């Protein structure tokens, strides 16, 4: 299941950021390197090495810190890698949901549905155009 989730994240990253990600074989854990090679298609497929320079710092309750450390240990990751990955996954999920769902006021949505259910009557120009249809378009 973890591999399936990772594959979905890789596919999403490739689509969202225009990169190609390949999974490397061998020992994979948060302490001994990255399991993926990322190729940026926007610059001719050249290998791109970018150091993580952005920084977040936040405080957590001691019991939450222990919970994160325990979960990270089960995943063979550092607590920092585990928290960063969890935050990244959640951010991608929120952004994807936000991009897929269009939120509009209820009144607007009701008016839209009503207009789709009751299309307007054709005006004079449309009626004349429909009458000319057979003379303009040749059917085969």
Protein backbone atom coordinates (compact mmCIF):
# COMPACT_ATOMS: atom_id res chain seq x y z
CA UNK A 1 0.00 0.00 0.00
CA UNK A 2 2.86 2.39 0.77
CA UNK A 3 4.35 1.77 -2.68
CA UNK A 4 0.99 2.49 -4.30
CA UNK A 5 0.71 5.76 -2.37
CA UNK A 6 4.26 6.71 -3.33
CA UNK A 7 3.54 5.93 -6.98
CA UNK A 8 0.43 8.16 -6.85
CA UNK A 9 2.46 10.99 -5.32
CA UNK A 10 5.18 10.59 -7.95
CA UNK A 11 2.59 10.66 -10.74
CA UNK A 12 1.03 13.78 -9.23
CA UNK A 13 4.42 15.48 -8.92
CA UNK A 14 5.23 14.68 -12.54
CA UNK A 15 1.91 16.13 -13.71
CA UNK A 16 1.88 19.15 -11.41
CA UNK A 17 5.48 20.25 -11.76
CA UNK A 18 6.51 19.02 -15.22
CA UNK A 19 9.19 16.71 -13.88
CA UNK A 20 10.09 13.10 -14.51
CA UNK A 21 10.72 11.02 -11.41
CA UNK A 22 12.35 7.60 -11.44
CA UNK A 23 12.54 5.29 -8.46
CA UNK A 24 15.95 3.91 -7.63
CA UNK A 25 16.52 0.43 -6.30
CA UNK A 26 18.30 -0.38 -3.07
CA UNK A 27 17.94 0.61 0.54
CA UNK A 28 15.52 3.45 0.94
CA UNK A 29 15.14 5.35 4.15
CA UNK A 30 15.09 8.93 5.30
CA UNK A 31 18.59 8.83 6.76
CA UNK A 32 20.55 7.51 3.81
CA UNK A 33 19.52 9.50 0.76
CA UNK A 34 16.60 9.97 -1.50
CA UNK A 35 14.87 7.07 -3.27
CA UNK A 36 14.03 9.19 -6.31
CA UNK A 37 15.83 11.01 -9.09
CA UNK A 38 13.98 14.03 -10.37
CA UNK A 39 14.48 15.27 -13.94
CA UNK A 40 13.05 18.65 -14.83
CA UNK A 41 11.46 18.52 -18.29
CA UNK A 42 11.28 22.31 -18.45
CA UNK A 43 15.05 22.57 -18.84
CA UNK A 44 15.63 19.86 -21.39
CA UNK A 45 15.52 16.93 -19.01
CA UNK A 46 18.72 17.95 -17.23
CA UNK A 47 19.28 16.59 -13.74
CA UNK A 48 18.40 19.24 -11.21
CA UNK A 49 19.91 19.24 -7.76
CA UNK A 50 18.29 21.71 -5.46
CA UNK A 51 19.16 21.96 -1.82
CA UNK A 52 16.32 22.29 0.64
CA UNK A 53 16.73 25.84 1.86
CA UNK A 54 13.20 26.73 2.97
CA UNK A 55 12.57 26.28 6.65
CA UNK A 56 9.57 25.75 8.93
CA UNK A 57 9.76 25.70 12.67
CA UNK A 58 6.81 25.02 14.93
CA UNK A 59 6.16 23.84 18.44
CA UNK A 60 4.15 20.75 19.34
CA UNK A 61 2.92 19.25 22.57
CA UNK A 62 5.32 16.67 24.05
CA UNK A 63 2.85 13.81 23.47
CA UNK A 64 2.47 14.79 19.81
CA UNK A 65 6.25 14.90 19.42
CA UNK A 66 6.45 11.37 20.84
CA UNK A 67 3.68 10.22 18.51
CA UNK A 68 5.48 11.65 15.46
CA UNK A 69 8.81 10.16 16.52
CA UNK A 70 7.20 6.74 17.05
CA UNK A 71 5.50 6.81 13.65
CA UNK A 72 8.71 8.03 11.99
CA UNK A 73 10.62 5.19 13.58
CA UNK A 74 8.14 2.66 12.17
CA UNK A 75 8.70 4.15 8.72
CA UNK A 76 12.48 4.14 9.23
CA UNK A 77 12.60 7.93 8.86
CA UNK A 78 13.76 10.80 10.99
CA UNK A 79 11.00 12.74 12.72
CA UNK A 80 11.89 15.74 10.57
CA UNK A 81 11.58 13.76 7.30
CA UNK A 82 8.34 12.17 8.50
CA UNK A 83 6.77 15.53 9.44
CA UNK A 84 7.96 17.18 6.21
CA UNK A 85 6.57 14.36 4.09
CA UNK A 86 3.25 14.39 5.95
CA UNK A 87 2.96 18.16 5.51
CA UNK A 88 3.84 17.89 1.82
CA UNK A 89 1.28 15.13 1.22
CA UNK A 90 -1.43 17.14 2.96
CA UNK A 91 -0.55 20.29 1.04
CA UNK A 92 -0.76 18.44 -2.29
CA UNK A 93 -4.10 16.93 -1.24
CA UNK A 94 -5.57 20.30 -0.23
CA UNK A 95 -4.36 22.02 -3.41
CA UNK A 96 -5.61 19.22 -5.65
CA UNK A 97 -9.02 19.29 -3.97
CA UNK A 98 -9.16 23.06 -4.27
CA UNK A 99 -8.27 22.94 -7.97
CA UNK A 100 -10.82 20.20 -8.76
CA UNK A 101 -13.78 21.73 -6.96
CA UNK A 102 -15.36 24.99 -8.03
CA UNK A 103 -17.17 26.64 -5.17
CA UNK A 104 -19.97 29.07 -5.97
CA UNK A 105 -22.74 30.64 -3.89
CA UNK A 106 -25.93 28.59 -3.62
CA UNK A 107 -28.01 31.26 -5.40
CA UNK A 108 -25.62 31.27 -8.37
CA UNK A 109 -25.69 27.46 -8.63
CA UNK A 110 -29.51 27.37 -8.45
CA UNK A 111 -29.75 30.04 -11.18
CA UNK A 112 -27.30 28.10 -13.36
CA UNK A 113 -29.29 24.87 -13.05
CA UNK A 114 -32.55 26.70 -13.75
CA UNK A 115 -31.13 28.27 -16.91
CA UNK A 116 -29.85 24.89 -18.11
CA UNK A 117 -33.25 23.28 -17.46
CA UNK A 118 -35.15 26.03 -19.31
CA UNK A 119 -33.13 27.24 -22.28
CA UNK A 120 -34.26 30.56 -23.79
CA UNK A 121 -36.51 30.74 -26.83
CA UNK A 122 -34.61 31.26 -30.11
CA UNK A 123 -34.38 34.91 -31.21
CA UNK A 124 -35.07 36.18 -34.73
CA UNK A 125 -31.45 35.86 -35.90
CA UNK A 126 -31.27 32.23 -34.82
CA UNK A 127 -34.60 31.45 -36.49
CA UNK A 128 -33.40 33.00 -39.80
CA UNK A 129 -30.08 31.12 -39.57
CA UNK A 130 -31.89 27.83 -39.03
CA UNK A 131 -34.09 28.51 -42.07
CA UNK A 132 -30.96 29.05 -44.23
CA UNK A 133 -29.33 25.86 -42.96
CA UNK A 134 -30.26 23.69 -45.94
CA UNK A 135 -29.03 26.24 -48.47
CA UNK A 136 -25.70 26.78 -46.72
CA UNK A 137 -24.71 23.25 -45.69
CA UNK A 138 -24.57 20.44 -48.20
CA UNK A 139 -25.47 17.08 -46.73
CA UNK A 140 -23.72 13.98 -48.10
